[in-house]
């Protein structure tokens, strides 16, 4: 396993396991158990995923030393005030059944991010969270939060895949000493990413599948990756990416695949923001 040293000195595995879109608690628990058995030690969940209980249960009952496991969760925007964020942090800890989280993120850049961030800073001081960070923050939003805060985000989890590489955003974060973590590194299989001929041609050189080439490409860019699968054989395949390195030429080929468009939605599109986050944000208007 390779590790990234965060700006607060904590070390984070560069390859982890995500449980987005695994709402069934039994399925999520089994997936985490299988991932632990394969060797994964970084696990990424969120309040919005509805499976923190399952992730925590699998970790607690695994027999693996807690200090060897890196647990990430995220606060949803309906808790983005100072007081509600404090409650949200405790809710996540209670659902996970853990004494602390290794990393806790503001899931989106909307609502009262300053108030919510202050709650994260206090929770970090209290030992409830080891590292704090953000998700889906663009450069200007990240800089805005940094200037208002006492603690710089350690991680920014953003969409990065061969189809949407965001090189400027990645470079900005890394230059700010904020680690980049890629969600949806496989773009959920869109545009036949697992059978794409260009990626497959690279894979033939190394005896690796398309998914392994993608993960290796991201890892060599210094990016943390959290692929998701509920199938153990795919978990094993995704984990087997540390015995080879892509050449400079192959890295350039991968870099050339960028479609320069989100494979999900534009986080700066007002209509998308209202559609996806509107009800959660409107609920904050009446919060006292």
C-alpha atoms as a PDB file:
ATOM      1  CA  UNK A   1       0.000   0.000   0.000  1.00  0.00           C
ATOM      2  CA  UNK A   2       1.122   3.539  -0.735  1.00  0.00           C
ATOM      3  CA  UNK A   3       0.246   6.438   1.557  1.00  0.00           C
ATOM      4  CA  UNK A   4      -0.279  10.182   1.292  1.00  0.00           C
ATOM      5  CA  UNK A   5       0.933  12.353   4.175  1.00  0.00           C
ATOM      6  CA  UNK A   6      -1.748  14.974   4.777  1.00  0.00           C
ATOM      7  CA  UNK A   7      -0.971  18.589   5.678  1.00  0.00           C
ATOM      8  CA  UNK A   8      -1.734  17.826   9.343  1.00  0.00           C
ATOM      9  CA  UNK A   9       0.832  15.015   9.440  1.00  0.00           C
ATOM     10  CA  UNK A  10      -1.646  12.136   9.357  1.00  0.00           C
ATOM     11  CA  UNK A  11      -1.085   9.377   6.804  1.00  0.00           C
ATOM     12  CA  UNK A  12      -3.906   8.230   4.519  1.00  0.00           C
ATOM     13  CA  UNK A  13      -3.879   5.096   2.336  1.00  0.00           C
ATOM     14  CA  UNK A  14      -3.857   6.057  -1.322  1.00  0.00           C
ATOM     15  CA  UNK A  15      -6.268   3.282  -2.291  1.00  0.00           C
ATOM     16  CA  UNK A  16      -9.537   2.780  -0.457  1.00  0.00           C
ATOM     17  CA  UNK A  17     -13.023   1.385  -0.715  1.00  0.00           C
ATOM     18  CA  UNK A  18     -16.186   3.434  -1.238  1.00  0.00           C
ATOM     19  CA  UNK A  19     -19.753   2.469  -0.363  1.00  0.00           C
ATOM     20  CA  UNK A  20     -21.697   5.080  -2.342  1.00  0.00           C
ATOM     21  CA  UNK A  21     -24.973   3.667  -3.708  1.00  0.00           C
ATOM     22  CA  UNK A  22     -24.928   0.651  -1.393  1.00  0.00           C
ATOM     23  CA  UNK A  23     -27.937   1.575   0.773  1.00  0.00           C
ATOM     24  CA  UNK A  24     -28.807  -2.000   1.766  1.00  0.00           C
ATOM     25  CA  UNK A  25     -27.170  -2.411   5.173  1.00  0.00           C
ATOM     26  CA  UNK A  26     -26.549  -6.142   4.859  1.00  0.00           C
ATOM     27  CA  UNK A  27     -24.969  -5.716   1.437  1.00  0.00           C
ATOM     28  CA  UNK A  28     -22.849  -2.793   2.630  1.00  0.00           C
ATOM     29  CA  UNK A  29     -21.662  -4.711   5.697  1.00  0.00           C
ATOM     30  CA  UNK A  30     -20.714  -7.740   3.600  1.00  0.00           C
ATOM     31  CA  UNK A  31     -18.908  -5.537   1.088  1.00  0.00           C
ATOM     32  CA  UNK A  32     -16.804  -3.916   3.820  1.00  0.00           C
ATOM     33  CA  UNK A  33     -16.046  -7.315   5.379  1.00  0.00           C
ATOM     34  CA  UNK A  34     -14.904  -8.626   2.004  1.00  0.00           C
ATOM     35  CA  UNK A  35     -12.838  -5.496   1.375  1.00  0.00           C
ATOM     36  CA  UNK A  36     -11.142  -5.850   4.756  1.00  0.00           C
ATOM     37  CA  UNK A  37     -10.357  -9.465   3.903  1.00  0.00           C
ATOM     38  CA  UNK A  38      -8.799  -8.382   0.598  1.00  0.00           C
ATOM     39  CA  UNK A  39      -6.615  -5.869   2.438  1.00  0.00           C
ATOM     40  CA  UNK A  40      -8.366  -2.504   2.123  1.00  0.00           C
ATOM     41  CA  UNK A  41      -7.882  -0.240   5.120  1.00  0.00           C
ATOM     42  CA  UNK A  42      -9.432   3.034   3.886  1.00  0.00           C
ATOM     43  CA  UNK A  43     -13.239   3.157   3.907  1.00  0.00           C
ATOM     44  CA  UNK A  44     -15.355   6.026   2.627  1.00  0.00           C
ATOM     45  CA  UNK A  45     -18.973   6.517   3.688  1.00  0.00           C
ATOM     46  CA  UNK A  46     -21.255   9.508   4.328  1.00  0.00           C
ATOM     47  CA  UNK A  47     -24.352  10.487   6.254  1.00  0.00           C
ATOM     48  CA  UNK A  48     -26.153  10.809   2.909  1.00  0.00           C
ATOM     49  CA  UNK A  49     -25.307   7.217   1.937  1.00  0.00           C
ATOM     50  CA  UNK A  50     -27.394   5.788   4.767  1.00  0.00           C
ATOM     51  CA  UNK A  51     -24.922   2.996   5.519  1.00  0.00           C
ATOM     52  CA  UNK A  52     -22.654   4.320   8.275  1.00  0.00           C
ATOM     53  CA  UNK A  53     -24.052   1.705  10.682  1.00  0.00           C
ATOM     54  CA  UNK A  54     -23.100  -1.151   8.368  1.00  0.00           C
ATOM     55  CA  UNK A  55     -19.609   0.203   7.732  1.00  0.00           C
ATOM     56  CA  UNK A  56     -18.966   0.651  11.442  1.00  0.00           C
ATOM     57  CA  UNK A  57     -20.299  -2.788  12.338  1.00  0.00           C
ATOM     58  CA  UNK A  58     -18.083  -4.524   9.791  1.00  0.00           C
ATOM     59  CA  UNK A  59     -15.034  -2.615  11.025  1.00  0.00           C
ATOM     60  CA  UNK A  60     -15.737  -3.201  14.713  1.00  0.00           C
ATOM     61  CA  UNK A  61     -16.257  -6.934  14.236  1.00  0.00           C
ATOM     62  CA  UNK A  62     -13.373  -7.462  11.803  1.00  0.00           C
ATOM     63  CA  UNK A  63     -10.667  -8.116  14.367  1.00  0.00           C
ATOM     64  CA  UNK A  64      -8.418  -5.648  12.537  1.00  0.00           C
ATOM     65  CA  UNK A  65      -6.694  -3.145  14.813  1.00  0.00           C
ATOM     66  CA  UNK A  66      -8.690   0.102  14.728  1.00  0.00           C
ATOM     67  CA  UNK A  67      -5.479   2.113  14.398  1.00  0.00           C
ATOM     68  CA  UNK A  68      -4.794   0.322  11.109  1.00  0.00           C
ATOM     69  CA  UNK A  69      -8.113   1.393   9.565  1.00  0.00           C
ATOM     70  CA  UNK A  70      -8.825   4.819   8.088  1.00  0.00           C
ATOM     71  CA  UNK A  71     -12.517   5.749   8.245  1.00  0.00           C
ATOM     72  CA  UNK A  72     -13.979   8.687   6.323  1.00  0.00           C
ATOM     73  CA  UNK A  73     -17.506  10.050   6.562  1.00  0.00           C
ATOM     74  CA  UNK A  74     -19.166  13.244   5.378  1.00  0.00           C
ATOM     75  CA  UNK A  75     -21.647  15.818   6.660  1.00  0.00           C
ATOM     76  CA  UNK A  76     -24.638  16.540   4.421  1.00  0.00           C
ATOM     77  CA  UNK A  77     -25.723  20.088   3.585  1.00  0.00           C
ATOM     78  CA  UNK A  78     -28.894  19.884   5.690  1.00  0.00           C
ATOM     79  CA  UNK A  79     -26.530  20.093   8.701  1.00  0.00           C
ATOM     80  CA  UNK A  80     -24.472  23.031   7.440  1.00  0.00           C
ATOM     81  CA  UNK A  81     -24.798  25.350  10.418  1.00  0.00           C
ATOM     82  CA  UNK A  82     -22.499  25.429  13.421  1.00  0.00           C
ATOM     83  CA  UNK A  83     -24.994  23.826  15.826  1.00  0.00           C
ATOM     84  CA  UNK A  84     -26.395  21.296  13.365  1.00  0.00           C
ATOM     85  CA  UNK A  85     -22.901  20.284  12.279  1.00  0.00           C
ATOM     86  CA  UNK A  86     -21.958  19.497  15.875  1.00  0.00           C
ATOM     87  CA  UNK A  87     -24.969  17.193  16.062  1.00  0.00           C
ATOM     88  CA  UNK A  88     -24.185  15.674  12.670  1.00  0.00           C
ATOM     89  CA  UNK A  89     -20.662  14.789  13.766  1.00  0.00           C
ATOM     90  CA  UNK A  90     -21.967  13.029  16.864  1.00  0.00           C
ATOM     91  CA  UNK A  91     -24.642  11.279  14.800  1.00  0.00           C
ATOM     92  CA  UNK A  92     -21.996   9.873  12.450  1.00  0.00           C
ATOM     93  CA  UNK A  93     -19.857   8.681  15.345  1.00  0.00           C
ATOM     94  CA  UNK A  94     -22.852   7.025  16.989  1.00  0.00           C
ATOM     95  CA  UNK A  95     -23.939   5.295  13.794  1.00  0.00           C
ATOM     96  CA  UNK A  96     -20.408   4.102  13.093  1.00  0.00           C
ATOM     97  CA  UNK A  97     -20.032   3.009  16.707  1.00  0.00           C
ATOM     98  CA  UNK A  98     -16.495   4.400  16.761  1.00  0.00           C
ATOM     99  CA  UNK A  99     -14.645   6.672  19.174  1.00  0.00           C
ATOM    100  CA  UNK A 100     -13.236   8.798  16.360  1.00  0.00           C
ATOM    101  CA  UNK A 101     -13.251   9.237  12.591  1.00  0.00           C
ATOM    102  CA  UNK A 102      -9.976   9.520  10.725  1.00  0.00           C
ATOM    103  CA  UNK A 103     -11.398  12.012   8.232  1.00  0.00           C
ATOM    104  CA  UNK A 104     -14.639  13.985   8.114  1.00  0.00           C
ATOM    105  CA  UNK A 105     -15.648  16.075   5.113  1.00  0.00           C
ATOM    106  CA  UNK A 106     -18.117  18.803   4.264  1.00  0.00           C
ATOM    107  CA  UNK A 107     -19.902  16.909   1.485  1.00  0.00           C
ATOM    108  CA  UNK A 108     -20.757  19.912  -0.710  1.00  0.00           C
ATOM    109  CA  UNK A 109     -19.747  23.604  -0.990  1.00  0.00           C
ATOM    110  CA  UNK A 110     -23.198  25.025  -0.220  1.00  0.00           C
ATOM    111  CA  UNK A 111     -25.006  26.409   2.829  1.00  0.00           C
ATOM    112  CA  UNK A 112     -23.208  27.774   5.894  1.00  0.00           C
ATOM    113  CA  UNK A 113     -19.863  26.154   5.197  1.00  0.00           C
ATOM    114  CA  UNK A 114     -18.082  28.543   7.587  1.00  0.00           C
ATOM    115  CA  UNK A 115     -20.284  27.594  10.531  1.00  0.00           C
ATOM    116  CA  UNK A 116     -20.119  23.899   9.740  1.00  0.00           C
ATOM    117  CA  UNK A 117     -16.343  24.080   9.331  1.00  0.00           C
ATOM    118  CA  UNK A 118     -15.978  25.706  12.742  1.00  0.00           C
ATOM    119  CA  UNK A 119     -17.788  22.702  14.228  1.00  0.00           C
ATOM    120  CA  UNK A 120     -15.357  20.371  12.438  1.00  0.00           C
ATOM    121  CA  UNK A 121     -12.387  22.328  13.777  1.00  0.00           C
ATOM    122  CA  UNK A 122     -13.725  21.999  17.325  1.00  0.00           C
ATOM    123  CA  UNK A 123     -14.396  18.280  16.877  1.00  0.00           C
ATOM    124  CA  UNK A 124     -10.831  17.820  15.668  1.00  0.00           C
ATOM    125  CA  UNK A 125      -9.503  19.582  18.769  1.00  0.00           C
ATOM    126  CA  UNK A 126     -11.713  17.357  20.927  1.00  0.00           C
ATOM    127  CA  UNK A 127     -10.284  14.200  19.334  1.00  0.00           C
ATOM    128  CA  UNK A 128     -13.506  13.159  17.615  1.00  0.00           C
ATOM    129  CA  UNK A 129     -11.929  13.589  14.177  1.00  0.00           C
ATOM    130  CA  UNK A 130      -8.259  13.258  13.251  1.00  0.00           C
ATOM    131  CA  UNK A 131      -8.347  15.113   9.919  1.00  0.00           C
ATOM    132  CA  UNK A 132     -10.943  17.424   8.396  1.00  0.00           C
ATOM    133  CA  UNK A 133     -11.612  18.238   4.777  1.00  0.00           C
ATOM    134  CA  UNK A 134     -14.103  19.037   2.060  1.00  0.00           C
ATOM    135  CA  UNK A 135     -15.688  17.503  -1.013  1.00  0.00           C
ATOM    136  CA  UNK A 136     -16.628  19.001  -4.372  1.00  0.00           C
ATOM    137  CA  UNK A 137     -15.069  22.401  -3.588  1.00  0.00           C
ATOM    138  CA  UNK A 138     -13.747  24.353  -6.562  1.00  0.00           C
ATOM    139  CA  UNK A 139     -10.559  26.390  -6.166  1.00  0.00           C
ATOM    140  CA  UNK A 140     -12.304  29.661  -5.303  1.00  0.00           C
ATOM    141  CA  UNK A 141     -14.578  27.941  -2.780  1.00  0.00           C
ATOM    142  CA  UNK A 142     -11.614  26.204  -1.174  1.00  0.00           C
ATOM    143  CA  UNK A 143      -9.637  29.448  -0.940  1.00  0.00           C
ATOM    144  CA  UNK A 144     -12.664  31.235   0.532  1.00  0.00           C
ATOM    145  CA  UNK A 145     -12.954  28.602   3.264  1.00  0.00           C
ATOM    146  CA  UNK A 146      -9.212  28.641   3.936  1.00  0.00           C
ATOM    147  CA  UNK A 147      -9.213  32.402   4.480  1.00  0.00           C
ATOM    148  CA  UNK A 148     -12.064  32.171   6.986  1.00  0.00           C
ATOM    149  CA  UNK A 149     -10.652  29.234   8.916  1.00  0.00           C
ATOM    150  CA  UNK A 150      -8.031  28.334  11.475  1.00  0.00           C
ATOM    151  CA  UNK A 151      -7.423  24.887   9.974  1.00  0.00           C
ATOM    152  CA  UNK A 152      -6.762  24.282   6.286  1.00  0.00           C
ATOM    153  CA  UNK A 153      -8.703  21.357   4.765  1.00  0.00           C
ATOM    154  CA  UNK A 154      -6.506  18.276   4.593  1.00  0.00           C
ATOM    155  CA  UNK A 155      -8.403  16.657   1.713  1.00  0.00           C
ATOM    156  CA  UNK A 156     -10.686  17.725  -1.131  1.00  0.00           C
ATOM    157  CA  UNK A 157     -12.675  14.823  -2.575  1.00  0.00           C
ATOM    158  CA  UNK A 158     -13.682  15.665  -6.149  1.00  0.00           C
ATOM    159  CA  UNK A 159     -14.789  13.953  -9.333  1.00  0.00           C
ATOM    160  CA  UNK A 160     -11.732  12.720 -11.242  1.00  0.00           C
ATOM    161  CA  UNK A 161     -11.744  10.016 -13.904  1.00  0.00           C
ATOM    162  CA  UNK A 162     -10.208   9.558 -17.355  1.00  0.00           C
ATOM    163  CA  UNK A 163     -13.304  11.252 -18.800  1.00  0.00           C
ATOM    164  CA  UNK A 164     -13.232  14.230 -16.391  1.00  0.00           C
ATOM    165  CA  UNK A 165      -9.700  14.918 -15.230  1.00  0.00           C
ATOM    166  CA  UNK A 166      -9.935  18.480 -13.862  1.00  0.00           C
ATOM    167  CA  UNK A 167      -6.167  19.077 -14.175  1.00  0.00           C
ATOM    168  CA  UNK A 168      -6.363  22.715 -13.073  1.00  0.00           C
ATOM    169  CA  UNK A 169      -8.372  21.850  -9.957  1.00  0.00           C
ATOM    170  CA  UNK A 170      -6.065  18.964  -9.091  1.00  0.00           C
ATOM    171  CA  UNK A 171      -3.003  21.183  -9.519  1.00  0.00           C
ATOM    172  CA  UNK A 172      -4.489  23.980  -7.405  1.00  0.00           C
ATOM    173  CA  UNK A 173      -5.277  21.637  -4.523  1.00  0.00           C
ATOM    174  CA  UNK A 174      -1.906  19.933  -4.632  1.00  0.00           C
ATOM    175  CA  UNK A 175      -0.099  23.278  -4.796  1.00  0.00           C
ATOM    176  CA  UNK A 176      -2.100  24.317  -1.711  1.00  0.00           C
ATOM    177  CA  UNK A 177      -0.946  21.098   0.003  1.00  0.00           C
ATOM    178  CA  UNK A 178      -4.521  19.803   0.057  1.00  0.00           C
ATOM    179  CA  UNK A 179      -4.669  16.123  -0.894  1.00  0.00           C
ATOM    180  CA  UNK A 180      -6.960  15.258  -3.801  1.00  0.00           C
ATOM    181  CA  UNK A 181      -9.231  12.242  -3.469  1.00  0.00           C
ATOM    182  CA  UNK A 182     -11.071  11.001  -6.565  1.00  0.00           C
ATOM    183  CA  UNK A 183     -14.667   9.885  -6.317  1.00  0.00           C
ATOM    184  CA  UNK A 184     -16.106   7.827  -9.195  1.00  0.00           C
ATOM    185  CA  UNK A 185     -12.671   7.060 -10.695  1.00  0.00           C
ATOM    186  CA  UNK A 186     -14.403   4.730 -13.162  1.00  0.00           C
ATOM    187  CA  UNK A 187     -17.154   7.269 -14.016  1.00  0.00           C
ATOM    188  CA  UNK A 188     -19.621   4.520 -13.064  1.00  0.00           C
ATOM    189  CA  UNK A 189     -18.680   2.650 -16.234  1.00  0.00           C
ATOM    190  CA  UNK A 190     -19.873   5.372 -18.601  1.00  0.00           C
ATOM    191  CA  UNK A 191     -18.666   5.484 -22.213  1.00  0.00           C
ATOM    192  CA  UNK A 192     -17.648   1.803 -21.926  1.00  0.00           C
ATOM    193  CA  UNK A 193     -14.690   2.716 -19.750  1.00  0.00           C
ATOM    194  CA  UNK A 194     -13.988  -0.913 -18.795  1.00  0.00           C
ATOM    195  CA  UNK A 195     -13.651  -1.958 -22.449  1.00  0.00           C
ATOM    196  CA  UNK A 196     -12.254   1.257 -23.936  1.00  0.00           C
ATOM    197  CA  UNK A 197      -9.731   0.225 -26.582  1.00  0.00           C
ATOM    198  CA  UNK A 198      -7.164   2.918 -25.804  1.00  0.00           C
ATOM    199  CA  UNK A 199      -7.016   1.965 -22.128  1.00  0.00           C
ATOM    200  CA  UNK A 200      -7.105  -1.746 -22.986  1.00  0.00           C
ATOM    201  CA  UNK A 201      -4.104  -1.333 -25.297  1.00  0.00           C
ATOM    202  CA  UNK A 202      -2.121   0.120 -22.393  1.00  0.00           C
ATOM    203  CA  UNK A 203      -3.346  -2.694 -20.160  1.00  0.00           C
ATOM    204  CA  UNK A 204      -2.011  -5.325 -22.557  1.00  0.00           C
ATOM    205  CA  UNK A 205       1.542  -4.080 -21.924  1.00  0.00           C
ATOM    206  CA  UNK A 206       1.256  -4.703 -18.200  1.00  0.00           C
ATOM    207  CA  UNK A 207      -1.165  -7.622 -18.100  1.00  0.00           C
ATOM    208  CA  UNK A 208      -3.743  -5.458 -16.344  1.00  0.00           C
ATOM    209  CA  UNK A 209      -7.440  -4.697 -16.812  1.00  0.00           C
ATOM    210  CA  UNK A 210      -8.776  -1.253 -17.690  1.00  0.00           C
ATOM    211  CA  UNK A 211      -9.823  -0.541 -14.111  1.00  0.00           C
ATOM    212  CA  UNK A 212      -6.326  -1.296 -12.852  1.00  0.00           C
ATOM    213  CA  UNK A 213      -4.769   1.019 -15.433  1.00  0.00           C
ATOM    214  CA  UNK A 214      -7.126   3.826 -14.384  1.00  0.00           C
ATOM    215  CA  UNK A 215      -6.338   3.401 -10.692  1.00  0.00           C
ATOM    216  CA  UNK A 216      -2.599   3.253 -11.362  1.00  0.00           C
ATOM    217  CA  UNK A 217      -2.793   6.417 -13.488  1.00  0.00           C
ATOM    218  CA  UNK A 218      -4.524   8.274 -10.655  1.00  0.00           C
ATOM    219  CA  UNK A 219      -2.156   6.951  -7.993  1.00  0.00           C
ATOM    220  CA  UNK A 220       0.869   8.067 -10.021  1.00  0.00           C
ATOM    221  CA  UNK A 221      -0.658  11.556 -10.148  1.00  0.00           C
ATOM    222  CA  UNK A 222      -0.618  11.597  -6.344  1.00  0.00           C
ATOM    223  CA  UNK A 223      -4.395  11.203  -6.104  1.00  0.00           C
ATOM    224  CA  UNK A 224      -6.216   9.091  -3.508  1.00  0.00           C
ATOM    225  CA  UNK A 225      -8.755   6.710  -5.065  1.00  0.00           C
ATOM    226  CA  UNK A 226     -11.863   5.013  -3.646  1.00  0.00           C
ATOM    227  CA  UNK A 227     -13.274   2.549  -6.189  1.00  0.00           C
ATOM    228  CA  UNK A 228     -16.495   0.758  -5.307  1.00  0.00           C
ATOM    229  CA  UNK A 229     -17.624  -2.792  -5.998  1.00  0.00           C
ATOM    230  CA  UNK A 230     -19.760  -5.299  -4.122  1.00  0.00           C
ATOM    231  CA  UNK A 231     -18.051  -8.172  -5.939  1.00  0.00           C
ATOM    232  CA  UNK A 232     -15.012  -9.594  -4.161  1.00  0.00           C
ATOM    233  CA  UNK A 233     -13.198 -10.551  -7.359  1.00  0.00           C
ATOM    234  CA  UNK A 234     -13.408  -6.934  -8.531  1.00  0.00           C
ATOM    235  CA  UNK A 235     -12.219  -5.728  -5.118  1.00  0.00           C
ATOM    236  CA  UNK A 236      -9.186  -7.991  -5.498  1.00  0.00           C
ATOM    237  CA  UNK A 237      -8.530  -6.752  -9.017  1.00  0.00           C
ATOM    238  CA  UNK A 238      -8.769  -3.102  -7.956  1.00  0.00           C
ATOM    239  CA  UNK A 239      -6.379  -3.751  -5.061  1.00  0.00           C
ATOM    240  CA  UNK A 240      -3.742  -5.310  -7.329  1.00  0.00           C
ATOM    241  CA  UNK A 241      -2.208  -2.079  -8.625  1.00  0.00           C
ATOM    242  CA  UNK A 242       1.046  -1.737  -6.717  1.00  0.00           C
ATOM    243  CA  UNK A 243       3.271  -4.107  -8.695  1.00  0.00           C
ATOM    244  CA  UNK A 244       3.700  -1.976 -11.810  1.00  0.00           C
ATOM    245  CA  UNK A 245       4.123   1.623 -12.967  1.00  0.00           C
ATOM    246  CA  UNK A 246       2.834   3.284 -16.102  1.00  0.00           C
ATOM    247  CA  UNK A 247       5.461   4.783 -18.390  1.00  0.00           C
ATOM    248  CA  UNK A 248       5.538   8.509 -19.064  1.00  0.00           C
ATOM    249  CA  UNK A 249       4.167   7.858 -22.550  1.00  0.00           C
ATOM    250  CA  UNK A 250       1.266   5.821 -21.188  1.00  0.00           C
ATOM    251  CA  UNK A 251       0.513   8.514 -18.627  1.00  0.00           C
ATOM    252  CA  UNK A 252       0.326  11.026 -21.499  1.00  0.00           C
ATOM    253  CA  UNK A 253      -2.079   8.787 -23.393  1.00  0.00           C
ATOM    254  CA  UNK A 254      -4.321   8.551 -20.337  1.00  0.00           C
ATOM    255  CA  UNK A 255      -4.141  12.328 -19.944  1.00  0.00           C
ATOM    256  CA  UNK A 256      -5.351  12.717 -23.538  1.00  0.00           C
ATOM    257  CA  UNK A 257      -8.687  10.990 -22.829  1.00  0.00           C
ATOM    258  CA  UNK A 258     -10.217  13.938 -20.969  1.00  0.00           C
ATOM    259  CA  UNK A 259     -13.732  14.805 -22.198  1.00  0.00           C
ATOM    260  CA  UNK A 260     -13.616  17.952 -20.029  1.00  0.00           C
ATOM    261  CA  UNK A 261     -17.168  17.476 -18.817  1.00  0.00           C
ATOM    262  CA  UNK A 262     -18.596  16.108 -15.582  1.00  0.00           C
ATOM    263  CA  UNK A 263     -20.026  12.642 -16.029  1.00  0.00           C
ATOM    264  CA  UNK A 264     -22.680  13.383 -13.410  1.00  0.00           C
ATOM    265  CA  UNK A 265     -23.687  17.046 -13.050  1.00  0.00           C
ATOM    266  CA  UNK A 266     -22.135  20.488 -13.057  1.00  0.00           C
ATOM    267  CA  UNK A 267     -21.683  21.656  -9.461  1.00  0.00           C
ATOM    268  CA  UNK A 268     -21.887  25.248 -10.727  1.00  0.00           C
ATOM    269  CA  UNK A 269     -25.182  24.844 -12.601  1.00  0.00           C
ATOM    270  CA  UNK A 270     -27.904  26.745 -10.679  1.00  0.00           C
ATOM    271  CA  UNK A 271     -30.642  24.403 -11.904  1.00  0.00           C
ATOM    272  CA  UNK A 272     -28.710  21.327 -10.774  1.00  0.00           C
ATOM    273  CA  UNK A 273     -27.973  22.896  -7.392  1.00  0.00           C
ATOM    274  CA  UNK A 274     -31.637  23.674  -6.808  1.00  0.00           C
ATOM    275  CA  UNK A 275     -32.792  20.263  -8.010  1.00  0.00           C
ATOM    276  CA  UNK A 276     -30.322  18.213  -5.972  1.00  0.00           C
ATOM    277  CA  UNK A 277     -29.710  20.359  -2.902  1.00  0.00           C
ATOM    278  CA  UNK A 278     -32.660  22.746  -2.821  1.00  0.00           C
ATOM    279  CA  UNK A 279     -34.783  20.993  -0.206  1.00  0.00           C
ATOM    280  CA  UNK A 280     -31.806  20.498   2.129  1.00  0.00           C
ATOM    281  CA  UNK A 281     -30.721  24.124   1.810  1.00  0.00           C
ATOM    282  CA  UNK A 282     -34.215  25.549   2.198  1.00  0.00           C
ATOM    283  CA  UNK A 283     -34.577  23.624   5.459  1.00  0.00           C
ATOM    284  CA  UNK A 284     -31.721  25.723   6.875  1.00  0.00           C
ATOM    285  CA  UNK A 285     -33.692  28.949   6.430  1.00  0.00           C
ATOM    286  CA  UNK A 286     -35.975  28.147   9.332  1.00  0.00           C
ATOM    287  CA  UNK A 287     -33.274  26.738  11.607  1.00  0.00           C
ATOM    288  CA  UNK A 288     -32.675  28.737  14.769  1.00  0.00           C
END
